[in-house]
Amino acid sequence: MAALLRKARDYVLTKEFRDYLCSTHFWGPAANWGLPLAAFKDMKAPPDIISGRMTTALILYSMAFMRFAYRVQPRNYLLMACHCTNVVAQSMQAGRYLRHHYGSGSVGGKPPASSGQASRPSKKVS
């Protein structure tokens, strides 16, 4: 374990690592992490504020950039991980959107509370 930590410390002190920290290969993905973090934060927000079009656009955008991150040389695994996380987060948001707008509108399969009109006893007409 000590050898692994020593090797990691030695790598962090190299010029190669400093050059990586000063490149767009690092700062691009670092800035992009705001997208999935915001999506995970919004999991607690009510689903009626979710934009179906924007969620779909973000899923497609992240899928395209996952491929780009893998195809670019050298491969940018940090960018790929960021966009993979964003696809997962946005897919969860899309599920919430679909359940709210087209499904039962509730979590767990419980039917939504009635407005009280159906529970009133009907009057018999003689």
N, C-alpha and C. Protein backbone atom coordinates (compact mmCIF):
# COMPACT_ATOMS: atom_id res chain seq x y z
N MET A 1 0.82 -1.19 0.00
CA MET A 1 0.00 0.00 0.00
C MET A 1 0.87 1.26 0.00
N ALA A 2 1.94 1.22 0.79
CA ALA A 2 2.83 2.38 0.86
C ALA A 2 3.51 2.61 -0.49
N ALA A 3 3.83 1.52 -1.18
CA ALA A 3 4.47 1.66 -2.49
C ALA A 3 3.51 2.30 -3.50
N LEU A 4 2.25 1.97 -3.42
CA LEU A 4 1.25 2.55 -4.31
C LEU A 4 1.10 4.05 -4.05
N LEU A 5 1.04 4.42 -2.79
CA LEU A 5 0.94 5.84 -2.43
C LEU A 5 2.18 6.61 -2.87
N ARG A 6 3.35 6.01 -2.71
CA ARG A 6 4.60 6.65 -3.11
C ARG A 6 4.63 6.84 -4.63
N LYS A 7 4.17 5.84 -5.37
CA LYS A 7 4.13 5.93 -6.83
C LYS A 7 3.15 7.02 -7.27
N ALA A 8 1.99 7.12 -6.62
CA ALA A 8 1.01 8.15 -6.94
C ALA A 8 1.58 9.54 -6.64
N ARG A 9 2.26 9.68 -5.51
CA ARG A 9 2.86 10.97 -5.15
C ARG A 9 3.93 11.36 -6.17
N ASP A 10 4.74 10.40 -6.58
CA ASP A 10 5.79 10.69 -7.56
C ASP A 10 5.19 11.12 -8.90
N TYR A 11 4.06 10.51 -9.29
CA TYR A 11 3.42 10.89 -10.54
C TYR A 11 2.83 12.29 -10.46
N VAL A 12 2.24 12.64 -9.34
CA VAL A 12 1.64 13.96 -9.17
C VAL A 12 2.70 15.05 -9.27
N LEU A 13 3.93 14.75 -8.91
CA LEU A 13 5.01 15.74 -8.94
C LEU A 13 5.69 15.85 -10.30
N THR A 14 5.27 15.07 -11.29
CA THR A 14 5.91 15.10 -12.60
C THR A 14 5.41 16.26 -13.46
N LYS A 15 6.21 16.63 -14.45
CA LYS A 15 5.82 17.67 -15.41
C LYS A 15 4.64 17.20 -16.25
N GLU A 16 4.59 15.91 -16.55
CA GLU A 16 3.49 15.36 -17.34
C GLU A 16 2.14 15.61 -16.65
N PHE A 17 2.08 15.40 -15.33
CA PHE A 17 0.84 15.62 -14.59
C PHE A 17 0.50 17.11 -14.54
N ARG A 18 1.50 17.96 -14.34
CA ARG A 18 1.24 19.42 -14.33
C ARG A 18 0.72 19.88 -15.68
N ASP A 19 1.27 19.32 -16.77
CA ASP A 19 0.79 19.67 -18.10
C ASP A 19 -0.66 19.21 -18.29
N TYR A 20 -1.00 18.04 -17.74
CA TYR A 20 -2.37 17.55 -17.81
C TYR A 20 -3.33 18.48 -17.07
N LEU A 21 -2.92 18.95 -15.88
CA LEU A 21 -3.78 19.85 -15.11
C LEU A 21 -3.99 21.19 -15.80
N CYS A 22 -3.07 21.58 -16.66
CA CYS A 22 -3.18 22.86 -17.36
C CYS A 22 -3.78 22.71 -18.75
N SER A 23 -4.35 21.55 -19.06
CA SER A 23 -4.88 21.31 -20.40
C SER A 23 -6.41 21.30 -20.41
N THR A 24 -6.95 21.37 -21.60
CA THR A 24 -8.40 21.27 -21.74
C THR A 24 -8.88 19.84 -21.54
N HIS A 25 -7.96 18.87 -21.60
CA HIS A 25 -8.31 17.48 -21.33
C HIS A 25 -8.76 17.31 -19.88
N PHE A 26 -8.32 18.21 -19.01
CA PHE A 26 -8.73 18.16 -17.61
C PHE A 26 -9.85 19.17 -17.33
N TRP A 27 -9.67 20.44 -17.73
CA TRP A 27 -10.62 21.48 -17.35
C TRP A 27 -11.95 21.39 -18.09
N GLY A 28 -11.96 20.86 -19.31
CA GLY A 28 -13.23 20.66 -20.02
C GLY A 28 -14.15 19.72 -19.26
N PRO A 29 -13.68 18.52 -18.93
CA PRO A 29 -14.53 17.62 -18.15
C PRO A 29 -14.84 18.14 -16.75
N ALA A 30 -13.87 18.84 -16.15
CA ALA A 30 -14.11 19.37 -14.80
C ALA A 30 -15.29 20.34 -14.82
N ALA A 31 -15.35 21.19 -15.85
CA ALA A 31 -16.47 22.13 -15.97
C ALA A 31 -17.76 21.39 -16.33
N ASN A 32 -17.66 20.33 -17.12
CA ASN A 32 -18.84 19.58 -17.55
C ASN A 32 -19.51 18.83 -16.40
N TRP A 33 -18.81 18.58 -15.31
CA TRP A 33 -19.41 17.85 -14.20
C TRP A 33 -20.59 18.61 -13.59
N GLY A 34 -20.73 19.88 -13.93
CA GLY A 34 -21.88 20.64 -13.44
C GLY A 34 -23.20 20.10 -13.96
N LEU A 35 -23.21 19.53 -15.17
CA LEU A 35 -24.46 19.00 -15.75
C LEU A 35 -25.02 17.82 -14.94
N PRO A 36 -24.25 16.75 -14.72
CA PRO A 36 -24.83 15.65 -13.94
C PRO A 36 -25.06 16.01 -12.48
N LEU A 37 -24.20 16.86 -11.92
CA LEU A 37 -24.42 17.26 -10.52
C LEU A 37 -25.72 18.04 -10.37
N ALA A 38 -26.02 18.91 -11.32
CA ALA A 38 -27.29 19.65 -11.28
C ALA A 38 -28.47 18.70 -11.44
N ALA A 39 -28.33 17.71 -12.32
CA ALA A 39 -29.42 16.75 -12.53
C ALA A 39 -29.68 15.94 -11.27
N PHE A 40 -28.61 15.51 -10.59
CA PHE A 40 -28.80 14.76 -9.35
C PHE A 40 -29.39 15.65 -8.26
N LYS A 41 -29.01 16.92 -8.23
CA LYS A 41 -29.57 17.85 -7.25
C LYS A 41 -31.07 18.04 -7.51
N ASP A 42 -31.46 18.08 -8.78
CA ASP A 42 -32.86 18.30 -9.13
C ASP A 42 -33.75 17.08 -8.89
N MET A 43 -33.18 15.97 -8.46
CA MET A 43 -33.99 14.79 -8.17
C MET A 43 -34.98 15.06 -7.03
N LYS A 44 -34.66 16.03 -6.19
CA LYS A 44 -35.55 16.35 -5.07
C LYS A 44 -36.60 17.39 -5.44
N ALA A 45 -36.43 18.02 -6.60
CA ALA A 45 -37.39 19.03 -7.05
C ALA A 45 -38.64 18.35 -7.60
N PRO A 46 -39.76 19.04 -7.62
CA PRO A 46 -40.99 18.44 -8.16
C PRO A 46 -40.83 18.16 -9.66
N PRO A 47 -41.40 17.06 -10.14
CA PRO A 47 -41.21 16.67 -11.55
C PRO A 47 -41.89 17.58 -12.55
N ASP A 48 -42.79 18.46 -12.12
CA ASP A 48 -43.46 19.32 -13.09
C ASP A 48 -42.55 20.42 -13.63
N ILE A 49 -41.36 20.62 -13.04
CA ILE A 49 -40.43 21.62 -13.57
C ILE A 49 -39.46 21.03 -14.60
N ILE A 50 -39.50 19.71 -14.81
CA ILE A 50 -38.59 19.06 -15.75
C ILE A 50 -39.03 19.34 -17.18
N SER A 51 -38.09 19.76 -18.01
CA SER A 51 -38.37 19.98 -19.43
C SER A 51 -38.04 18.70 -20.19
N GLY A 52 -39.03 18.12 -20.80
CA GLY A 52 -38.83 16.89 -21.56
C GLY A 52 -37.90 17.08 -22.74
N ARG A 53 -38.02 18.21 -23.43
CA ARG A 53 -37.17 18.48 -24.59
C ARG A 53 -35.71 18.68 -24.17
N MET A 54 -35.49 19.43 -23.11
CA MET A 54 -34.12 19.68 -22.67
C MET A 54 -33.48 18.41 -22.14
N THR A 55 -34.24 17.61 -21.42
CA THR A 55 -33.72 16.34 -20.91
C THR A 55 -33.32 15.43 -22.06
N THR A 56 -34.15 15.35 -23.09
CA THR A 56 -33.82 14.54 -24.26
C THR A 56 -32.58 15.08 -24.96
N ALA A 57 -32.49 16.39 -25.10
CA ALA A 57 -31.32 17.00 -25.75
C ALA A 57 -30.04 16.70 -24.96
N LEU A 58 -30.12 16.76 -23.65
CA LEU A 58 -28.93 16.48 -22.82
C LEU A 58 -28.52 15.02 -22.89
N ILE A 59 -29.49 14.12 -23.00
CA ILE A 59 -29.16 12.70 -23.15
C ILE A 59 -28.42 12.48 -24.47
N LEU A 60 -28.95 13.03 -25.56
CA LEU A 60 -28.33 12.86 -26.88
C LEU A 60 -26.96 13.54 -26.94
N TYR A 61 -26.85 14.73 -26.36
CA TYR A 61 -25.58 15.46 -26.31
C TYR A 61 -24.52 14.64 -25.58
N SER A 62 -24.88 14.10 -24.43
CA SER A 62 -23.91 13.34 -23.66
C SER A 62 -23.54 12.03 -24.34
N MET A 63 -24.49 11.41 -25.02
CA MET A 63 -24.17 10.19 -25.76
C MET A 63 -23.17 10.48 -26.89
N ALA A 64 -23.37 11.59 -27.58
CA ALA A 64 -22.44 11.96 -28.67
C ALA A 64 -21.05 12.26 -28.11
N PHE A 65 -20.98 12.97 -26.99
CA PHE A 65 -19.68 13.32 -26.45
C PHE A 65 -19.01 12.17 -25.72
N MET A 66 -19.77 11.16 -25.30
CA MET A 66 -19.13 9.95 -24.78
C MET A 66 -18.33 9.29 -25.90
N ARG A 67 -18.92 9.21 -27.08
CA ARG A 67 -18.22 8.63 -28.22
C ARG A 67 -17.00 9.46 -28.57
N PHE A 68 -17.15 10.79 -28.59
CA PHE A 68 -16.02 11.67 -28.88
C PHE A 68 -14.89 11.46 -27.89
N ALA A 69 -15.22 11.39 -26.60
CA ALA A 69 -14.19 11.23 -25.57
C ALA A 69 -13.43 9.92 -25.73
N TYR A 70 -14.09 8.91 -26.27
CA TYR A 70 -13.42 7.63 -26.47
C TYR A 70 -12.58 7.65 -27.75
N ARG A 71 -13.06 8.34 -28.78
CA ARG A 71 -12.39 8.33 -30.08
C ARG A 71 -11.20 9.29 -30.16
N VAL A 72 -11.21 10.38 -29.38
CA VAL A 72 -10.13 11.35 -29.44
C VAL A 72 -8.84 10.71 -28.91
N GLN A 73 -7.70 11.14 -29.46
CA GLN A 73 -6.42 10.61 -28.98
C GLN A 73 -5.66 11.71 -28.29
N PRO A 74 -5.17 11.57 -27.10
CA PRO A 74 -5.37 10.41 -26.24
C PRO A 74 -6.79 10.38 -25.70
N ARG A 75 -7.26 9.20 -25.38
CA ARG A 75 -8.63 9.05 -24.90
C ARG A 75 -8.83 9.85 -23.62
N ASN A 76 -9.98 10.50 -23.54
CA ASN A 76 -10.29 11.33 -22.39
C ASN A 76 -11.32 10.61 -21.52
N TYR A 77 -10.82 9.78 -20.63
CA TYR A 77 -11.70 8.97 -19.78
C TYR A 77 -12.46 9.82 -18.77
N LEU A 78 -11.89 10.93 -18.36
CA LEU A 78 -12.59 11.82 -17.42
C LEU A 78 -13.84 12.42 -18.09
N LEU A 79 -13.70 12.84 -19.34
CA LEU A 79 -14.85 13.37 -20.08
C LEU A 79 -15.88 12.28 -20.33
N MET A 80 -15.41 11.07 -20.64
CA MET A 80 -16.33 9.97 -20.90
C MET A 80 -17.11 9.62 -19.63
N ALA A 81 -16.44 9.60 -18.49
CA ALA A 81 -17.13 9.30 -17.23
C ALA A 81 -18.15 10.37 -16.89
N CYS A 82 -17.81 11.61 -17.17
CA CYS A 82 -18.73 12.73 -16.91
C CYS A 82 -20.00 12.57 -17.74
N HIS A 83 -19.84 12.30 -19.03
CA HIS A 83 -21.02 12.19 -19.90
C HIS A 83 -21.81 10.91 -19.64
N CYS A 84 -21.13 9.85 -19.25
CA CYS A 84 -21.84 8.62 -18.89
C CYS A 84 -22.71 8.88 -17.65
N THR A 85 -22.15 9.58 -16.68
CA THR A 85 -22.92 9.94 -15.48
C THR A 85 -24.09 10.83 -15.85
N ASN A 86 -23.88 11.75 -16.79
CA ASN A 86 -24.97 12.64 -17.20
C ASN A 86 -26.08 11.88 -17.91
N VAL A 87 -25.74 10.89 -18.72
CA VAL A 87 -26.77 10.08 -19.38
C VAL A 87 -27.61 9.36 -18.33
N VAL A 88 -26.97 8.82 -17.31
CA VAL A 88 -27.71 8.13 -16.24
C VAL A 88 -28.61 9.12 -15.51
N ALA A 89 -28.06 10.28 -15.13
CA ALA A 89 -28.84 11.27 -14.38
C ALA A 89 -30.02 11.80 -15.21
N GLN A 90 -29.76 12.12 -16.46
CA GLN A 90 -30.83 12.65 -17.31
C GLN A 90 -31.88 11.59 -17.62
N SER A 91 -31.46 10.33 -17.73
CA SER A 91 -32.42 9.25 -17.96
C SER A 91 -33.34 9.08 -16.75
N MET A 92 -32.78 9.24 -15.56
CA MET A 92 -33.62 9.20 -14.36
C MET A 92 -34.61 10.36 -14.37
N GLN A 93 -34.15 11.54 -14.78
CA GLN A 93 -35.04 12.69 -14.87
C GLN A 93 -36.12 12.46 -15.94
N ALA A 94 -35.73 11.85 -17.06
CA ALA A 94 -36.70 11.55 -18.11
C ALA A 94 -37.77 10.58 -17.61
N GLY A 95 -37.36 9.61 -16.81
CA GLY A 95 -38.31 8.69 -16.22
C GLY A 95 -39.29 9.40 -15.31
N ARG A 96 -38.77 10.33 -14.52
CA ARG A 96 -39.65 11.12 -13.64
C ARG A 96 -40.62 11.97 -14.47
N TYR A 97 -40.10 12.56 -15.55
CA TYR A 97 -40.94 13.38 -16.43
C TYR A 97 -42.06 12.55 -17.04
N LEU A 98 -41.70 11.39 -17.59
CA LEU A 98 -42.71 10.53 -18.23
C LEU A 98 -43.73 10.02 -17.22
N ARG A 99 -43.27 9.64 -16.04
CA ARG A 99 -44.20 9.15 -15.02
C ARG A 99 -45.16 10.25 -14.59
N HIS A 100 -44.65 11.48 -14.49
CA HIS A 100 -45.49 12.59 -14.05
C HIS A 100 -46.50 13.00 -15.13
N HIS A 101 -46.06 13.09 -16.38
CA HIS A 101 -46.94 13.60 -17.44
C HIS A 101 -47.78 12.53 -18.11
N TYR A 102 -47.28 11.29 -18.17
CA TYR A 102 -48.00 10.26 -18.92
C TYR A 102 -48.36 9.04 -18.08
N GLY A 103 -47.78 8.94 -16.90
CA GLY A 103 -48.06 7.78 -16.05
C GLY A 103 -49.08 8.13 -14.99
N SER A 104 -48.98 7.46 -13.89
CA SER A 104 -49.93 7.68 -12.79
C SER A 104 -49.69 9.00 -12.09
N GLY A 105 -48.47 9.57 -12.26
CA GLY A 105 -48.19 10.84 -11.62
C GLY A 105 -47.71 10.69 -10.20
N SER A 106 -47.54 9.47 -9.74
CA SER A 106 -47.07 9.26 -8.38
C SER A 106 -45.94 8.25 -8.38
N VAL A 107 -45.18 8.25 -7.33
CA VAL A 107 -44.07 7.32 -7.19
C VAL A 107 -44.55 6.08 -6.45
N GLY A 108 -44.13 4.92 -6.86
CA GLY A 108 -44.47 3.70 -6.16
C GLY A 108 -45.74 3.04 -6.66
N GLY A 109 -46.35 3.57 -7.69
CA GLY A 109 -47.53 2.94 -8.27
C GLY A 109 -48.82 3.21 -7.52
N LYS A 110 -48.78 4.03 -6.48
CA LYS A 110 -50.01 4.35 -5.75
C LYS A 110 -50.82 5.34 -6.58
N PRO A 111 -52.11 5.17 -6.64
CA PRO A 111 -52.92 6.12 -7.40
C PRO A 111 -52.94 7.48 -6.70
N PRO A 112 -53.04 8.57 -7.48
CA PRO A 112 -53.08 9.88 -6.86
C PRO A 112 -54.36 10.06 -6.04
N ALA A 113 -54.29 10.92 -5.05
CA ALA A 113 -55.44 11.17 -4.18
C ALA A 113 -56.58 11.76 -5.00
N SER A 114 -57.79 11.33 -4.72
CA SER A 114 -58.94 11.82 -5.48
C SER A 114 -59.32 13.20 -4.99
N SER A 115 -60.08 13.91 -5.81
CA SER A 115 -60.48 15.26 -5.47
C SER A 115 -61.65 15.29 -4.49
N GLY A 116 -62.17 14.16 -4.18
CA GLY A 116 -63.27 14.11 -3.23
C GLY A 116 -64.63 14.01 -3.90
N GLN A 117 -64.71 14.28 -5.17
CA GLN A 117 -65.99 14.24 -5.88
C GLN A 117 -66.49 12.82 -6.03
N ALA A 118 -65.60 11.88 -6.30
CA ALA A 118 -66.03 10.51 -6.55
C ALA A 118 -66.42 9.81 -5.25
N SER A 119 -65.96 10.33 -4.11
CA SER A 119 -66.25 9.65 -2.86
C SER A 119 -67.59 10.06 -2.25
N ARG A 120 -68.26 11.04 -2.83
CA ARG A 120 -69.55 11.45 -2.30
C ARG A 120 -70.61 10.42 -2.67
N PRO A 121 -71.50 10.12 -1.75
CA PRO A 121 -72.56 9.18 -2.08
C PRO A 121 -73.53 9.81 -3.07
N SER A 122 -73.98 9.03 -4.02
CA SER A 122 -74.91 9.56 -5.01
C SER A 122 -76.32 9.56 -4.43
N LYS A 123 -77.10 10.53 -4.87
CA LYS A 123 -78.49 10.64 -4.42
C LYS A 123 -79.36 9.79 -5.33
N LYS A 124 -80.29 9.07 -4.72
CA LYS A 124 -81.22 8.27 -5.51
C LYS A 124 -82.37 9.15 -5.96
N VAL A 125 -82.71 9.00 -7.21
CA VAL A 125 -83.85 9.72 -7.76
C VAL A 125 -85.01 8.75 -7.83
N SER A 126 -86.16 9.11 -7.20
CA SER A 126 -87.30 8.21 -7.18
C SER A 126 -88.27 8.53 -8.26
